[in-house]
PDB file of N, CA and C in Angstrom:
ATOM      1  N   MET A   1      16.488  17.897 -25.170  1.00  0.00           N
ATOM      2  CA  MET A   1      15.209  17.350 -24.325  1.00  0.00           C
ATOM      3  C   MET A   1      13.442  17.588 -24.042  1.00  0.00           C
ATOM      4  N   ALA A   2      13.115  16.330 -24.535  1.00  0.00           N
ATOM      5  CA  ALA A   2      11.612  16.672 -23.724  1.00  0.00           C
ATOM      6  C   ALA A   2      11.399  16.526 -22.658  1.00  0.00           C
ATOM      7  N   LYS A   3       9.891  17.366 -22.179  1.00  0.00           N
ATOM      8  CA  LYS A   3       9.251  17.373 -20.495  1.00  0.00           C
ATOM      9  C   LYS A   3       8.533  16.076 -20.857  1.00  0.00           C
ATOM     10  N   TYR A   4       7.980  15.019 -19.944  1.00  0.00           N
ATOM     11  CA  TYR A   4       7.785  13.472 -19.339  1.00  0.00           C
ATOM     12  C   TYR A   4       7.205  14.193 -18.788  1.00  0.00           C
ATOM     13  N   LEU A   5       5.822  13.308 -18.771  1.00  0.00           N
ATOM     14  CA  LEU A   5       5.113  13.223 -17.068  1.00  0.00           C
ATOM     15  C   LEU A   5       4.999  11.805 -16.564  1.00  0.00           C
ATOM     16  N   ILE A   6       5.374  11.108 -16.897  1.00  0.00           N
ATOM     17  CA  ILE A   6       5.222  10.581 -15.150  1.00  0.00           C
ATOM     18  C   ILE A   6       3.845  10.292 -14.558  1.00  0.00           C
ATOM     19  N   SER A   7       2.637   9.811 -14.194  1.00  0.00           N
ATOM     20  CA  SER A   7       1.474  10.393 -13.746  1.00  0.00           C
ATOM     21  C   SER A   7       1.057   8.986 -12.782  1.00  0.00           C
ATOM     22  N   PHE A   8       0.223   8.707 -12.122  1.00  0.00           N
ATOM     23  CA  PHE A   8      -0.309   7.818 -11.761  1.00  0.00           C
ATOM     24  C   PHE A   8      -2.238   8.116 -10.806  1.00  0.00           C
ATOM     25  N   PRO A   9      -3.050   6.934 -11.136  1.00  0.00           N
ATOM     26  CA  PRO A   9      -4.347   8.249 -11.054  1.00  0.00           C
ATOM     27  C   PRO A   9      -4.471   7.221  -9.308  1.00  0.00           C
ATOM     28  N   SER A  10      -4.771   8.012  -8.195  1.00  0.00           N
ATOM     29  CA  SER A  10      -5.109   7.582  -6.398  1.00  0.00           C
ATOM     30  C   SER A  10      -5.368   5.968  -6.721  1.00  0.00           C
ATOM     31  N   LYS A  11      -5.806   5.790  -7.440  1.00  0.00           N
ATOM     32  CA  LYS A  11      -6.585   4.136  -7.344  1.00  0.00           C
ATOM     33  C   LYS A  11      -5.432   3.414  -7.643  1.00  0.00           C
ATOM     34  N   ALA A  12      -5.005   4.102  -8.357  1.00  0.00           N
ATOM     35  CA  ALA A  12      -3.952   2.866  -8.954  1.00  0.00           C
ATOM     36  C   ALA A  12      -2.884   2.764  -7.323  1.00  0.00           C
ATOM     37  N   MET A  13      -2.630   3.466  -6.195  1.00  0.00           N
ATOM     38  CA  MET A  13      -1.544   2.827  -5.538  1.00  0.00           C
ATOM     39  C   MET A  13      -2.869   2.241  -3.523  1.00  0.00           C
ATOM     40  N   ALA A  14      -2.996   0.873  -4.232  1.00  0.00           N
ATOM     41  CA  ALA A  14      -3.479   0.017  -2.983  1.00  0.00           C
ATOM     42  C   ALA A  14      -2.088  -0.292  -2.026  1.00  0.00           C
ATOM     43  N   VAL A  15      -2.227   0.610  -1.547  1.00  0.00           N
ATOM     44  CA  VAL A  15      -0.905   0.316  -0.765  1.00  0.00           C
ATOM     45  C   VAL A  15      -1.383  -0.036   1.536  1.00  0.00           C
ATOM     46  N   PRO A  16      -0.638  -0.796   1.486  1.00  0.00           N
ATOM     47  CA  PRO A  16      -1.283  -1.792   2.632  1.00  0.00           C
ATOM     48  C   PRO A  16      -0.564  -0.498   3.647  1.00  0.00           C
ATOM     49  N   PRO A  17      -1.875   0.326   4.503  1.00  0.00           N
ATOM     50  CA  PRO A  17      -1.422   0.766   5.937  1.00  0.00           C
ATOM     51  C   PRO A  17      -0.302   0.943   6.654  1.00  0.00           C
ATOM     52  N   GLY A  18       0.143   0.051   6.803  1.00  0.00           N
ATOM     53  CA  GLY A  18       1.684  -0.219   7.966  1.00  0.00           C
ATOM     54  C   GLY A  18       3.193   0.537   6.679  1.00  0.00           C
ATOM     55  N   GLU A  19       2.863   0.115   5.410  1.00  0.00           N
ATOM     56  CA  GLU A  19       4.000   0.338   3.879  1.00  0.00           C
ATOM     57  C   GLU A  19       3.942   2.195   3.238  1.00  0.00           C
ATOM     58  N   LEU A  20       2.534   3.319   4.846  1.00  0.00           N
ATOM     59  CA  LEU A  20       2.612   4.420   3.424  1.00  0.00           C
ATOM     60  C   LEU A  20       3.450   5.165   3.580  1.00  0.00           C
ATOM     61  N   GLU A  21       4.096   5.322   4.330  1.00  0.00           N
ATOM     62  CA  GLU A  21       5.223   6.447   5.472  1.00  0.00           C
ATOM     63  C   GLU A  21       6.712   5.423   4.627  1.00  0.00           C
ATOM     64  N   ALA A  22       6.850   4.485   3.954  1.00  0.00           N
ATOM     65  CA  ALA A  22       7.852   3.339   3.302  1.00  0.00           C
ATOM     66  C   ALA A  22       7.466   4.349   2.125  1.00  0.00           C
ATOM     67  N   VAL A  23       6.443   4.105   1.538  1.00  0.00           N
ATOM     68  CA  VAL A  23       6.066   5.050   0.445  1.00  0.00           C
ATOM     69  C   VAL A  23       6.348   6.214   0.268  1.00  0.00           C
ATOM     70  N   GLY A  24       5.788   6.889   0.984  1.00  0.00           N
ATOM     71  CA  GLY A  24       6.522   8.231   0.823  1.00  0.00           C
ATOM     72  C   GLY A  24       7.831   8.964   0.731  1.00  0.00           C
ATOM     73  N   ARG A  25       8.903   7.440   2.122  1.00  0.00           N
ATOM     74  CA  ARG A  25      10.226   7.966   2.027  1.00  0.00           C
ATOM     75  C   ARG A  25      11.359   7.565  -0.114  1.00  0.00           C
ATOM     76  N   ASP A  26      10.238   6.478   0.045  1.00  0.00           N
ATOM     77  CA  ASP A  26      10.605   5.810  -1.309  1.00  0.00           C
ATOM     78  C   ASP A  26      10.592   6.752  -2.183  1.00  0.00           C
ATOM     79  N   ALA A  27       9.593   7.426  -2.686  1.00  0.00           N
ATOM     80  CA  ALA A  27       9.589   8.757  -3.600  1.00  0.00           C
ATOM     81  C   ALA A  27       9.952  10.007  -3.068  1.00  0.00           C
ATOM     82  N   ALA A  28      10.480   9.756  -2.202  1.00  0.00           N
ATOM     83  CA  ALA A  28      10.746  11.346  -1.988  1.00  0.00           C
ATOM     84  C   ALA A  28      12.091  11.175  -2.079  1.00  0.00           C
ATOM     85  N   ALA A  29      12.894  10.141  -2.171  1.00  0.00           N
ATOM     86  CA  ALA A  29      13.926   9.483  -2.727  1.00  0.00           C
ATOM     87  C   ALA A  29      14.163   9.609  -3.596  1.00  0.00           C
ATOM     88  N   VAL A  30      13.133   9.313  -4.705  1.00  0.00           N
ATOM     89  CA  VAL A  30      13.914   8.982  -6.424  1.00  0.00           C
ATOM     90  C   VAL A  30      13.582  11.002  -6.548  1.00  0.00           C
ATOM     91  N   ILE A  31      12.638  11.214  -6.296  1.00  0.00           N
ATOM     92  CA  ILE A  31      13.009  13.238  -6.960  1.00  0.00           C
ATOM     93  C   ILE A  31      13.719  13.522  -6.305  1.00  0.00           C
ATOM     94  N   ALA A  32      14.644  13.803  -5.435  1.00  0.00           N
ATOM     95  CA  ALA A  32      15.386  13.907  -4.584  1.00  0.00           C
ATOM     96  C   ALA A  32      17.165  13.549  -5.735  1.00  0.00           C
ATOM     97  N   GLU A  33      17.174  12.157  -6.167  1.00  0.00           N
ATOM     98  CA  GLU A  33      17.762  11.962  -7.046  1.00  0.00           C
ATOM     99  C   GLU A  33      16.982  12.607  -8.961  1.00  0.00           C
ATOM    100  N   ALA A  34      16.169  12.766  -8.788  1.00  0.00           N
ATOM    101  CA  ALA A  34      16.048  13.866  -9.884  1.00  0.00           C
ATOM    102  C   ALA A  34      17.253  14.593  -9.868  1.00  0.00           C
ATOM    103  N   LYS A  35      16.244  14.993  -8.569  1.00  0.00           N
ATOM    104  CA  LYS A  35      16.475  16.827  -8.490  1.00  0.00           C
ATOM    105  C   LYS A  35      18.884  17.028  -8.475  1.00  0.00           C
ATOM    106  N   ALA A  36      18.815  15.810  -7.340  1.00  0.00           N
ATOM    107  CA  ALA A  36      20.639  16.240  -8.438  1.00  0.00           C
ATOM    108  C   ALA A  36      20.314  16.441  -9.994  1.00  0.00           C
ATOM    109  N   ALA A  37      20.068  14.617 -10.390  1.00  0.00           N
ATOM    110  CA  ALA A  37      20.684  14.685 -12.532  1.00  0.00           C
ATOM    111  C   ALA A  37      20.110  15.957 -13.125  1.00  0.00           C
ATOM    112  N   GLY A  38      19.768  16.917 -12.358  1.00  0.00           N
ATOM    113  CA  GLY A  38      19.697  17.905 -12.945  1.00  0.00           C
ATOM    114  C   GLY A  38      18.264  17.276 -13.661  1.00  0.00           C
ATOM    115  N   VAL A  39      17.638  17.343 -13.263  1.00  0.00           N
ATOM    116  CA  VAL A  39      16.078  16.756 -14.152  1.00  0.00           C
ATOM    117  C   VAL A  39      15.163  16.937 -14.026  1.00  0.00           C
ATOM    118  N   TYR A  40      14.759  17.240 -13.036  1.00  0.00           N
ATOM    119  CA  TYR A  40      13.627  17.862 -12.109  1.00  0.00           C
ATOM    120  C   TYR A  40      12.487  18.609 -12.676  1.00  0.00           C
ATOM    121  N   VAL A  41      11.499  19.317 -13.212  1.00  0.00           N
ATOM    122  CA  VAL A  41      11.089  19.732 -13.465  1.00  0.00           C
ATOM    123  C   VAL A  41       9.718  20.362 -12.271  1.00  0.00           C
ATOM    124  N   PHE A  42       9.205  19.074 -11.723  1.00  0.00           N
ATOM    125  CA  PHE A  42       7.942  19.503 -11.016  1.00  0.00           C
ATOM    126  C   PHE A  42       7.623  18.130 -10.631  1.00  0.00           C
ATOM    127  N   ALA A  43       6.904  17.468  -9.647  1.00  0.00           N
ATOM    128  CA  ALA A  43       6.097  16.930  -8.790  1.00  0.00           C
ATOM    129  C   ALA A  43       5.151  17.826  -7.728  1.00  0.00           C
ATOM    130  N   SER A  44       4.159  16.690  -7.324  1.00  0.00           N
ATOM    131  CA  SER A  44       3.273  16.973  -6.742  1.00  0.00           C
ATOM    132  C   SER A  44       2.191  15.581  -6.975  1.00  0.00           C
ATOM    133  N   GLY A  45       0.973  15.739  -6.217  1.00  0.00           N
ATOM    134  CA  GLY A  45      -0.063  15.136  -6.323  1.00  0.00           C
ATOM    135  C   GLY A  45      -1.102  16.464  -6.279  1.00  0.00           C
ATOM    136  N   ILE A  46      -2.676  15.737  -6.741  1.00  0.00           N
ATOM    137  CA  ILE A  46      -3.673  16.820  -6.726  1.00  0.00           C
ATOM    138  C   ILE A  46      -4.527  16.914  -5.499  1.00  0.00           C
ATOM    139  N   ASP A  47      -4.764  17.966  -5.130  1.00  0.00           N
ATOM    140  CA  ASP A  47      -5.810  18.349  -3.526  1.00  0.00           C
ATOM    141  C   ASP A  47      -6.826  18.136  -4.001  1.00  0.00           C
ATOM    142  N   ASP A  48      -7.816  17.180  -3.361  1.00  0.00           N
ATOM    143  CA  ASP A  48      -8.052  16.135  -3.132  1.00  0.00           C
ATOM    144  C   ASP A  48     -10.599  17.183  -2.316  1.00  0.00           C
ATOM    145  N   SER A  49      -9.096  18.051  -1.583  1.00  0.00           N
ATOM    146  CA  SER A  49     -10.465  18.790  -1.139  1.00  0.00           C
ATOM    147  C   SER A  49     -10.272  20.126  -1.347  1.00  0.00           C
ATOM    148  N   MET A  50      -9.704  20.417  -2.849  1.00  0.00           N
ATOM    149  CA  MET A  50     -10.351  21.794  -4.051  1.00  0.00           C
ATOM    150  C   MET A  50     -11.197  20.598  -4.863  1.00  0.00           C
ATOM    151  N   PRO A  51     -12.492  20.696  -5.033  1.00  0.00           N
ATOM    152  CA  PRO A  51     -13.147  20.306  -6.321  1.00  0.00           C
ATOM    153  C   PRO A  51     -13.000  21.091  -7.427  1.00  0.00           C
ATOM    154  N   PRO A  52     -12.548  20.349  -8.828  1.00  0.00           N
ATOM    155  CA  PRO A  52     -12.309  21.661  -9.387  1.00  0.00           C
ATOM    156  C   PRO A  52     -13.381  21.899 -10.492  1.00  0.00           C
ATOM    157  N   VAL A  53     -13.341  23.271 -11.079  1.00  0.00           N
ATOM    158  CA  VAL A  53     -13.930  23.667 -11.960  1.00  0.00           C
ATOM    159  C   VAL A  53     -14.160  23.830 -12.974  1.00  0.00           C
ATOM    160  N   LEU A  54     -15.053  24.290 -14.148  1.00  0.00           N
ATOM    161  CA  LEU A  54     -14.515  24.948 -15.233  1.00  0.00           C
ATOM    162  C   LEU A  54     -14.367  26.608 -15.792  1.00  0.00           C
ATOM    163  N   VAL A  55     -13.610  27.386 -16.170  1.00  0.00           N
ATOM    164  CA  VAL A  55     -14.290  28.429 -16.164  1.00  0.00           C
ATOM    165  C   VAL A  55     -13.821  28.939 -17.756  1.00  0.00           C
ATOM    166  N   SER A  56     -15.307  29.749 -18.479  1.00  0.00           N
ATOM    167  CA  SER A  56     -15.533  29.808 -19.613  1.00  0.00           C
ATOM    168  C   SER A  56     -14.176  31.079 -19.970  1.00  0.00           C
ATOM    169  N   ALA A  57     -14.706  31.693 -21.217  1.00  0.00           N
ATOM    170  CA  ALA A  57     -14.161  31.855 -21.684  1.00  0.00           C
ATOM    171  C   ALA A  57     -13.769  34.024 -20.812  1.00  0.00           C
ATOM    172  N   ALA A  58     -15.762  33.736 -20.615  1.00  0.00           N
ATOM    173  CA  ALA A  58     -16.252  35.034 -20.394  1.00  0.00           C
ATOM    174  C   ALA A  58     -15.952  35.152 -18.545  1.00  0.00           C
ATOM    175  N   GLY A  59     -15.398  33.856 -17.980  1.00  0.00           N
ATOM    176  CA  GLY A  59     -14.584  34.273 -16.882  1.00  0.00           C
ATOM    177  C   GLY A  59     -16.218  33.889 -15.829  1.00  0.00           C
ATOM    178  N   GLN A  60     -16.905  32.436 -16.335  1.00  0.00           N
ATOM    179  CA  GLN A  60     -17.911  32.172 -15.512  1.00  0.00           C
ATOM    180  C   GLN A  60     -17.247  30.545 -14.960  1.00  0.00           C
ATOM    181  N   VAL A  61     -17.439  30.672 -13.745  1.00  0.00           N
ATOM    182  CA  VAL A  61     -16.795  29.684 -13.098  1.00  0.00           C
ATOM    183  C   VAL A  61     -17.921  28.470 -12.612  1.00  0.00           C
ATOM    184  N   ALA A  62     -18.068  27.518 -13.403  1.00  0.00           N
ATOM    185  CA  ALA A  62     -18.418  26.129 -13.170  1.00  0.00           C
ATOM    186  C   ALA A  62     -18.537  25.013 -12.329  1.00  0.00           C
ATOM    187  N   VAL A  63     -18.251  24.498 -10.666  1.00  0.00           N
ATOM    188  CA  VAL A  63     -18.065  23.893 -10.406  1.00  0.00           C
ATOM    189  C   VAL A  63     -17.750  22.308 -10.699  1.00  0.00           C
ATOM    190  N   GLY A  64     -16.942  21.849 -10.288  1.00  0.00           N
ATOM    191  CA  GLY A  64     -17.039  20.022 -11.384  1.00  0.00           C
ATOM    192  C   GLY A  64     -15.903  20.312 -12.958  1.00  0.00           C
ATOM    193  N   GLY A  65     -15.611  19.530 -12.814  1.00  0.00           N
ATOM    194  CA  GLY A  65     -14.801  19.021 -14.538  1.00  0.00           C
ATOM    195  C   GLY A  65     -16.281  18.602 -15.389  1.00  0.00           C
ATOM    196  N   TYR A  66     -15.201  18.959 -16.685  1.00  0.00           N
ATOM    197  CA  TYR A  66     -15.704  18.287 -17.722  1.00  0.00           C
ATOM    198  C   TYR A  66     -16.954  16.430 -17.200  1.00  0.00           C
ATOM    199  N   PRO A  67     -17.644  16.755 -17.376  1.00  0.00           N
ATOM    200  CA  PRO A  67     -18.842  15.399 -16.559  1.00  0.00           C
ATOM    201  C   PRO A  67     -18.446  14.073 -17.954  1.00  0.00           C
ATOM    202  N   TRP A  68     -17.459  14.741 -18.903  1.00  0.00           N
ATOM    203  CA  TRP A  68     -17.956  13.078 -20.096  1.00  0.00           C
ATOM    204  C   TRP A  68     -16.114  12.622 -19.192  1.00  0.00           C
ATOM    205  N   ALA A  69     -14.939  13.274 -18.849  1.00  0.00           N
ATOM    206  CA  ALA A  69     -14.229  13.014 -18.360  1.00  0.00           C
ATOM    207  C   ALA A  69     -13.390  12.640 -17.193  1.00  0.00           C
ATOM    208  N   PRO A  70     -12.114  11.250 -17.367  1.00  0.00           N
ATOM    209  CA  PRO A  70     -12.296  10.725 -15.842  1.00  0.00           C
ATOM    210  C   PRO A  70     -11.683  11.317 -15.323  1.00  0.00           C
ATOM    211  N   SER A  71     -12.015  11.384 -13.916  1.00  0.00           N
ATOM    212  CA  SER A  71     -12.174  12.435 -12.669  1.00  0.00           C
ATOM    213  C   SER A  71     -10.188  12.334 -12.715  1.00  0.00           C
ATOM    214  N   LEU A  72      -9.618  13.480 -12.731  1.00  0.00           N
ATOM    215  CA  LEU A  72      -7.921  13.496 -12.996  1.00  0.00           C
ATOM    216  C   LEU A  72      -7.274  13.997 -10.954  1.00  0.00           C
ATOM    217  N   ASP A  73      -6.568  12.942 -10.458  1.00  0.00           N
ATOM    218  CA  ASP A  73      -6.630  13.187  -9.077  1.00  0.00           C
ATOM    219  C   ASP A  73      -5.201  12.423  -9.603  1.00  0.00           C
ATOM    220  N   GLY A  74      -4.205  11.787  -7.949  1.00  0.00           N
ATOM    221  CA  GLY A  74      -3.437  10.974  -8.097  1.00  0.00           C
ATOM    222  C   GLY A  74      -1.620  11.994  -8.625  1.00  0.00           C
ATOM    223  N   GLY A  75      -1.000  11.359  -8.001  1.00  0.00           N
ATOM    224  CA  GLY A  75       0.360  11.701  -8.405  1.00  0.00           C
ATOM    225  C   GLY A  75       0.907  12.264  -9.549  1.00  0.00           C
ATOM    226  N   PHE A  76       1.937  13.087 -10.273  1.00  0.00           N
ATOM    227  CA  PHE A  76       2.604  13.595 -11.162  1.00  0.00           C
ATOM    228  C   PHE A  76       3.585  14.056 -10.793  1.00  0.00           C
ATOM    229  N   THR A  77       4.832  13.545 -11.743  1.00  0.00           N
ATOM    230  CA  THR A  77       6.018  14.482 -11.548  1.00  0.00           C
ATOM    231  C   THR A  77       6.109  14.601 -13.440  1.00  0.00           C
ATOM    232  N   VAL A  78       7.027  15.737 -13.429  1.00  0.00           N
ATOM    233  CA  VAL A  78       7.632  16.575 -14.945  1.00  0.00           C
ATOM    234  C   VAL A  78       8.977  16.216 -14.679  1.00  0.00           C
ATOM    235  N   LEU A  79       9.730  15.027 -15.772  1.00  0.00           N
ATOM    236  CA  LEU A  79      11.337  15.729 -15.823  1.00  0.00           C
ATOM    237  C   LEU A  79      11.678  16.084 -17.452  1.00  0.00           C
ATOM    238  N   GLU A  80      12.733  15.993 -17.731  1.00  0.00           N
ATOM    239  CA  GLU A  80      13.259  17.032 -18.638  1.00  0.00           C
ATOM    240  C   GLU A  80      14.194  15.781 -19.429  1.00  0.00           C
ATOM    241  N   LEU A  81      14.540  15.648 -19.795  1.00  0.00           N
ATOM    242  CA  LEU A  81      15.047  13.700 -20.048  1.00  0.00           C
ATOM    243  C   LEU A  81      15.479  13.522 -21.583  1.00  0.00           C
ATOM    244  N   PRO A  82      16.718  13.159 -21.707  1.00  0.00           N
ATOM    245  CA  PRO A  82      17.220  12.845 -23.869  1.00  0.00           C
ATOM    246  C   PRO A  82      16.843  12.156 -23.622  1.00  0.00           C
ATOM    247  N   SER A  83      15.470  10.729 -23.526  1.00  0.00           N
ATOM    248  CA  SER A  83      15.493  10.151 -24.685  1.00  0.00           C
ATOM    249  C   SER A  83      14.100   9.707 -23.415  1.00  0.00           C
ATOM    250  N   ARG A  84      13.057   8.740 -24.703  1.00  0.00           N
ATOM    251  CA  ARG A  84      12.287   8.293 -23.967  1.00  0.00           C
ATOM    252  C   ARG A  84      12.848   6.718 -23.367  1.00  0.00           C
ATOM    253  N   GLU A  85      14.170   6.233 -23.673  1.00  0.00           N
ATOM    254  CA  GLU A  85      14.543   5.469 -22.881  1.00  0.00           C
ATOM    255  C   GLU A  85      15.016   5.983 -21.357  1.00  0.00           C
ATOM    256  N   ALA A  86      15.305   7.603 -21.500  1.00  0.00           N
ATOM    257  CA  ALA A  86      16.076   6.661 -19.877  1.00  0.00           C
ATOM    258  C   ALA A  86      14.201   7.366 -19.457  1.00  0.00           C
ATOM    259  N   ALA A  87      13.110   8.038 -20.312  1.00  0.00           N
ATOM    260  CA  ALA A  87      11.897   8.741 -19.111  1.00  0.00           C
ATOM    261  C   ALA A  87      10.901   7.112 -18.588  1.00  0.00           C
ATOM    262  N   VAL A  88      11.689   6.489 -19.450  1.00  0.00           N
ATOM    263  CA  VAL A  88      11.326   4.931 -19.021  1.00  0.00           C
ATOM    264  C   VAL A  88      11.433   4.085 -18.128  1.00  0.00           C
ATOM    265  N   ALA A  89      12.975   4.757 -17.775  1.00  0.00           N
ATOM    266  CA  ALA A  89      14.531   3.915 -16.711  1.00  0.00           C
ATOM    267  C   ALA A  89      13.805   5.099 -15.447  1.00  0.00           C
ATOM    268  N   TRP A  90      13.389   6.697 -15.669  1.00  0.00           N
ATOM    269  CA  TRP A  90      12.842   7.037 -14.890  1.00  0.00           C
ATOM    270  C   TRP A  90      11.784   6.597 -13.716  1.00  0.00           C
ATOM    271  N   ALA A  91      10.973   6.203 -14.550  1.00  0.00           N
ATOM    272  CA  ALA A  91       9.147   5.685 -14.932  1.00  0.00           C
ATOM    273  C   ALA A  91       9.409   5.229 -13.963  1.00  0.00           C
ATOM    274  N   ALA A  92      10.127   3.384 -14.503  1.00  0.00           N
ATOM    275  CA  ALA A  92      10.325   2.645 -13.608  1.00  0.00           C
ATOM    276  C   ALA A  92      10.670   2.822 -12.463  1.00  0.00           C
ATOM    277  N   ARG A  93      11.384   3.871 -11.715  1.00  0.00           N
ATOM    278  CA  ARG A  93      12.368   4.244 -10.476  1.00  0.00           C
ATOM    279  C   ARG A  93      11.000   4.342  -9.851  1.00  0.00           C
ATOM    280  N   LEU A  94      10.206   5.503 -10.313  1.00  0.00           N
ATOM    281  CA  LEU A  94       9.107   5.849  -9.626  1.00  0.00           C
ATOM    282  C   LEU A  94       7.924   4.658  -8.813  1.00  0.00           C
ATOM    283  N   ALA A  95       7.794   3.766  -9.928  1.00  0.00           N
ATOM    284  CA  ALA A  95       7.251   3.052 -10.129  1.00  0.00           C
ATOM    285  C   ALA A  95       7.500   1.194  -8.655  1.00  0.00           C
ATOM    286  N   ARG A  96       8.603   1.776  -8.671  1.00  0.00           N
ATOM    287  CA  ARG A  96       9.303   0.829  -7.156  1.00  0.00           C
ATOM    288  C   ARG A  96       8.359   1.704  -6.515  1.00  0.00           C
ATOM    289  N   ALA A  97       8.269   3.140  -6.249  1.00  0.00           N
ATOM    290  CA  ALA A  97       9.097   3.620  -5.070  1.00  0.00           C
ATOM    291  C   ALA A  97       7.368   3.880  -4.710  1.00  0.00           C
ATOM    292  N   CYS A  98       6.898   3.868  -5.809  1.00  0.00           N
ATOM    293  CA  CYS A  98       5.282   4.243  -5.563  1.00  0.00           C
ATOM    294  C   CYS A  98       3.982   2.561  -4.995  1.00  0.00           C
ATOM    295  N   ARG A  99       4.692   1.319  -5.787  1.00  0.00           N
ATOM    296  CA  ARG A  99       4.254   0.647  -5.657  1.00  0.00           C
ATOM    297  C   ARG A  99       3.287   0.507  -6.680  1.00  0.00           C
ATOM    298  N   CYS A 100       3.433   1.437  -7.838  1.00  0.00           N
ATOM    299  CA  CYS A 100       2.339   1.041  -8.699  1.00  0.00           C
ATOM    300  C   CYS A 100       2.431   1.253 -10.379  1.00  0.00           C
ATOM    301  N   GLU A 101       2.180   0.955 -10.826  1.00  0.00           N
ATOM    302  CA  GLU A 101       2.055   1.612 -13.092  1.00  0.00           C
ATOM    303  C   GLU A 101       2.937   2.864 -12.777  1.00  0.00           C
ATOM    304  N   GLN A 102       2.865   3.099 -13.266  1.00  0.00           N
ATOM    305  CA  GLN A 102       3.102   4.912 -13.925  1.00  0.00           C
ATOM    306  C   GLN A 102       2.119   4.868 -15.398  1.00  0.00           C
ATOM    307  N   GLU A 103       1.889   6.358 -15.591  1.00  0.00           N
ATOM    308  CA  GLU A 103       1.753   6.780 -17.122  1.00  0.00           C
ATOM    309  C   GLU A 103       2.522   7.342 -17.457  1.00  0.00           C
ATOM    310  N   LEU A 104       2.837   6.757 -18.738  1.00  0.00           N
ATOM    311  CA  LEU A 104       3.999   7.324 -19.280  1.00  0.00           C
ATOM    312  C   LEU A 104       3.481   9.027 -20.734  1.00  0.00           C
ATOM    313  N   ARG A 105       4.258  10.135 -20.769  1.00  0.00           N
ATOM    314  CA  ARG A 105       3.662  10.758 -21.434  1.00  0.00           C
ATOM    315  C   ARG A 105       4.896  11.938 -22.089  1.00  0.00           C
ATOM    316  N   VAL A 106       4.770  11.965 -23.309  1.00  0.00           N
ATOM    317  CA  VAL A 106       6.011  13.432 -23.237  1.00  0.00           C
ATOM    318  C   VAL A 106       4.855  14.505 -23.980  1.00  0.00           C
ATOM    319  N   PHE A 107       5.345  15.622 -23.762  1.00  0.00           N
ATOM    320  CA  PHE A 107       4.605  17.210 -24.360  1.00  0.00           C
ATOM    321  C   PHE A 107       5.370  17.086 -25.092  1.00  0.00           C
ATOM    322  N   GLY A 108       4.206  18.559 -25.910  1.00  0.00           N
ATOM    323  CA  GLY A 108       4.321  17.990 -27.663  1.00  0.00           C
ATOM    324  C   GLY A 108       5.937  19.461 -26.940  1.00  0.00           C
ATOM    325  N   PHE A 109       6.179  19.603 -27.899  1.00  0.00           N
ATOM    326  CA  PHE A 109       8.022  20.784 -27.952  1.00  0.00           C
ATOM    327  C   PHE A 109       7.117  22.334 -28.539  1.00  0.00           C
ATOM    328  N   ASP A 110       6.946  23.286 -28.300  1.00  0.00           N
ATOM    329  CA  ASP A 110       6.334  24.752 -28.982  1.00  0.00           C
ATOM    330  C   ASP A 110       7.342  25.796 -28.470  1.00  0.00           C
ATOM    331  N   PRO A 111       8.353  25.857 -29.459  1.00  0.00           N
ATOM    332  CA  PRO A 111       9.052  26.728 -29.765  1.00  0.00           C
ATOM    333  C   PRO A 111       8.367  27.811 -28.684  1.00  0.00           C
ATOM    334  N   ARG A 112       7.470  28.451 -28.710  1.00  0.00           N
ATOM    335  CA  ARG A 112       7.363  29.752 -28.417  1.00  0.00           C
ATOM    336  C   ARG A 112       7.297  30.072 -26.914  1.00  0.00           C
ATOM    337  N   ALA A 113       6.517  28.333 -26.486  1.00  0.00           N
ATOM    338  CA  ALA A 113       6.623  28.143 -25.233  1.00  0.00           C
ATOM    339  C   ALA A 113       7.863  28.841 -24.158  1.00  0.00           C
TER     340      ALA A 113
END
């Protein structure tokens, strides 16, 4: 079993204001199904009210993320699944619920972690 990251950037979710409540309800239903299926690990979104910071090895904190990196925002779901095909199926369910395409990535396995 591998852990898969299913995500989307905030800008991808172009939902008319009248549909936002339905999107939240539909997304929550998919997450509830993932929990019931025993594949849920984590789901949430980035809190835009807290700016990112860079922390050095010495513990110094600088406001802002890497200046060369794209902004990290949007919604994230981590599921533990038996195959890439299963991950694609769950990503499609989330895409329908969120009304936007989802990016799918697999986490590398580290037996020490």
